[in-house]
């Protein structure tokens, strides 16, 4: 998911910007998030918009402390992860999971490296 955008984030730059110009940081943060979401397709984009809405709501509830906001967002992430794990476990126990298809592949032998 948008790995090329995430990989280009310079943490030191963003940390300095957050300290020196919080309004500019917030503007650029929102733009970067929008870029990532807009790059996603269809249903994934809708899910990311909903997730970002939840994250923004948590941040609004914890305006007094960015650490408290981070902890609350982390807790939200783990709750969501646990819900997914519960659904997958329930499906596995009831036999609703799709069987893993058998895959056949051609194995290509690489020539040995000549001794020099």
Protein backbone atom coordinates (compact mmCIF):
# COMPACT_ATOMS: atom_id res chain seq x y z
CA UNK A 1 0.00 0.00 0.00
CA UNK A 2 1.56 3.22 -1.16
CA UNK A 3 4.95 2.04 -0.06
CA UNK A 4 6.73 4.55 -2.26
CA UNK A 5 5.03 7.48 -0.48
CA UNK A 6 5.71 6.12 2.97
CA UNK A 7 9.31 5.31 2.13
CA UNK A 8 10.00 8.94 1.21
CA UNK A 9 9.05 10.37 4.62
CA UNK A 10 11.99 12.06 6.34
CA UNK A 11 11.25 11.66 10.05
CA UNK A 12 13.76 14.30 11.15
CA UNK A 13 12.26 16.85 8.77
CA UNK A 14 8.72 16.12 9.98
CA UNK A 15 9.75 16.24 13.65
CA UNK A 16 11.49 19.57 13.17
CA UNK A 17 8.50 20.94 11.27
CA UNK A 18 6.10 19.78 14.00
CA UNK A 19 8.17 21.66 16.59
CA UNK A 20 8.83 24.81 14.59
CA UNK A 21 5.57 25.24 12.65
CA UNK A 22 2.73 23.04 13.95
CA UNK A 23 0.16 24.56 11.56
CA UNK A 24 2.31 23.85 8.50
CA UNK A 25 3.05 20.36 9.85
CA UNK A 26 -0.68 19.67 10.23
CA UNK A 27 -1.44 20.95 6.73
CA UNK A 28 1.28 18.81 5.16
CA UNK A 29 0.33 15.79 7.30
CA UNK A 30 -3.25 15.97 6.04
CA UNK A 31 -2.05 16.34 2.45
CA UNK A 32 0.27 13.33 2.74
CA UNK A 33 -2.54 11.21 4.24
CA UNK A 34 -4.89 12.30 1.44
CA UNK A 35 -2.27 11.35 -1.15
CA UNK A 36 -1.98 7.85 0.29
CA UNK A 37 -5.75 7.38 0.54
CA UNK A 38 -6.37 8.75 -2.97
CA UNK A 39 -3.83 6.31 -4.37
CA UNK A 40 -5.86 3.37 -3.05
CA UNK A 41 -8.58 1.78 -5.14
CA UNK A 42 -12.35 1.54 -4.62
CA UNK A 43 -13.30 -0.35 -1.48
CA UNK A 44 -9.86 0.02 0.08
CA UNK A 45 -10.12 3.79 -0.32
CA UNK A 46 -13.49 3.80 1.48
CA UNK A 47 -12.01 1.71 4.30
CA UNK A 48 -9.00 4.01 4.61
CA UNK A 49 -11.25 7.09 4.73
CA UNK A 50 -13.26 5.48 7.54
CA UNK A 51 -10.12 4.51 9.40
CA UNK A 52 -8.68 8.01 9.07
CA UNK A 53 -11.96 9.44 10.35
CA UNK A 54 -11.64 7.21 13.44
CA UNK A 55 -8.02 8.24 13.98
CA UNK A 56 -8.88 11.92 13.65
CA UNK A 57 -11.72 11.49 16.17
CA UNK A 58 -9.31 9.88 18.66
CA UNK A 59 -6.79 12.69 18.12
CA UNK A 60 -9.54 15.26 18.74
CA UNK A 61 -10.42 13.54 22.02
CA UNK A 62 -6.77 13.73 23.16
CA UNK A 63 -5.74 17.22 22.04
CA UNK A 64 -4.02 17.84 25.37
CA UNK A 65 -1.45 15.10 24.84
CA UNK A 66 -0.01 13.64 21.67
CA UNK A 67 1.27 10.69 23.73
CA UNK A 68 -2.25 9.97 24.99
CA UNK A 69 -3.53 10.20 21.41
CA UNK A 70 -0.83 7.81 20.21
CA UNK A 71 -1.67 5.31 22.95
CA UNK A 72 -5.40 5.53 22.18
CA UNK A 73 -4.76 5.04 18.44
CA UNK A 74 -2.52 2.08 19.23
CA UNK A 75 -5.27 0.60 21.39
CA UNK A 76 -7.75 1.09 18.53
CA UNK A 77 -5.35 -0.71 16.20
CA UNK A 78 -4.99 -3.68 18.56
CA UNK A 79 -8.76 -3.88 19.12
CA UNK A 80 -9.30 -3.97 15.35
CA UNK A 81 -6.56 -6.59 14.98
CA UNK A 82 -8.18 -8.72 17.70
CA UNK A 83 -11.59 -8.44 16.00
CA UNK A 84 -10.05 -9.64 12.75
CA UNK A 85 -8.32 -12.51 14.53
CA UNK A 86 -11.63 -13.48 16.18
CA UNK A 87 -13.43 -13.49 12.82
CA UNK A 88 -10.71 -15.59 11.21
CA UNK A 89 -10.72 -18.03 14.16
CA UNK A 90 -14.51 -18.30 13.99
CA UNK A 91 -14.39 -18.98 10.25
CA UNK A 92 -11.69 -21.60 10.69
CA UNK A 93 -13.67 -23.37 13.43
CA UNK A 94 -16.84 -23.41 11.34
CA UNK A 95 -15.07 -24.48 8.17
CA UNK A 96 -15.93 -21.28 6.32
CA UNK A 97 -12.41 -20.54 5.19
CA UNK A 98 -11.52 -21.28 1.61
CA UNK A 99 -9.06 -24.09 1.14
CA UNK A 100 -5.57 -23.08 0.15
CA UNK A 101 -5.24 -23.90 -3.53
CA UNK A 102 -2.54 -26.28 -4.59
CA UNK A 103 0.03 -24.38 -6.59
CA UNK A 104 2.32 -25.87 -9.16
CA UNK A 105 5.45 -24.06 -10.23
CA UNK A 106 8.28 -24.61 -12.63
CA UNK A 107 11.62 -24.50 -10.88
CA UNK A 108 14.32 -22.89 -12.95
CA UNK A 109 17.88 -23.87 -12.17
CA UNK A 110 20.40 -21.08 -12.23
CA UNK A 111 23.75 -21.93 -13.77
CA UNK A 112 26.56 -22.36 -11.33
CA UNK A 113 28.90 -19.43 -10.95
CA UNK A 114 32.17 -20.23 -12.71
CA UNK A 115 35.27 -20.34 -10.54
CA UNK A 116 37.61 -17.47 -11.24
